[in-house]
Amino acid sequence: MNMYYKKNRYSIMLIPTALLLAGATSSLPRAASLPPDPQREFTPHLKIFADRYVALAPARVRVYAQLGGVDDDDVRFCHAGETWITGKVEGTSTLNSISKHDPRCVHDPKKLSVSRSFTKDYEFSRPGSYVCRLVVHSNDGRIVQSNMIVINVR
């Protein structure tokens, strides 16, 4: 008997292929669902990456970020603020540097400008491991944090 794995949000169920072809999946038991999370509706996500992760000092590294899950007409991200957080890892502590850019909307409300890509150039003059992260601030006060990347300068 052929079997098919159906993966839903909370569990994996083994379903015979014959039932799947017959359209009988609606009568199968469902996994217990969790209560809806109010923050789950806010779905933007942010991913950063660098043009190189290992470099020789003095190193110039360009870091890129892509904002996803945002519509072209999303008022919350029209001229969104951005904060780049960079730190040098020293043993168990991190020395942080913060660069903040917080533009304001000064245009007609009908002309939205949602930026989905961000770039930042860094120059690392000394060897070490550096971490980098981007935080985007929406106009309604919510934040979207990116993943953290590590850049090793030798």
Foldseek 3Di string as FASTA:
>chain_A
DDWDWDDDDPDIDIHHVVCVVVVVPVVDDDDDDDPDDPCVVVDKAKAKDKPAQEEAAQDKIKMKMFIDPDDQLRQQQQQWKKKKWKWFDDPPDTDIDIDIDRDDDPDDNVDGDHDGMDMDMDTHHDFGKMKMKMWTATPVGDIHIYDIGIHGYD
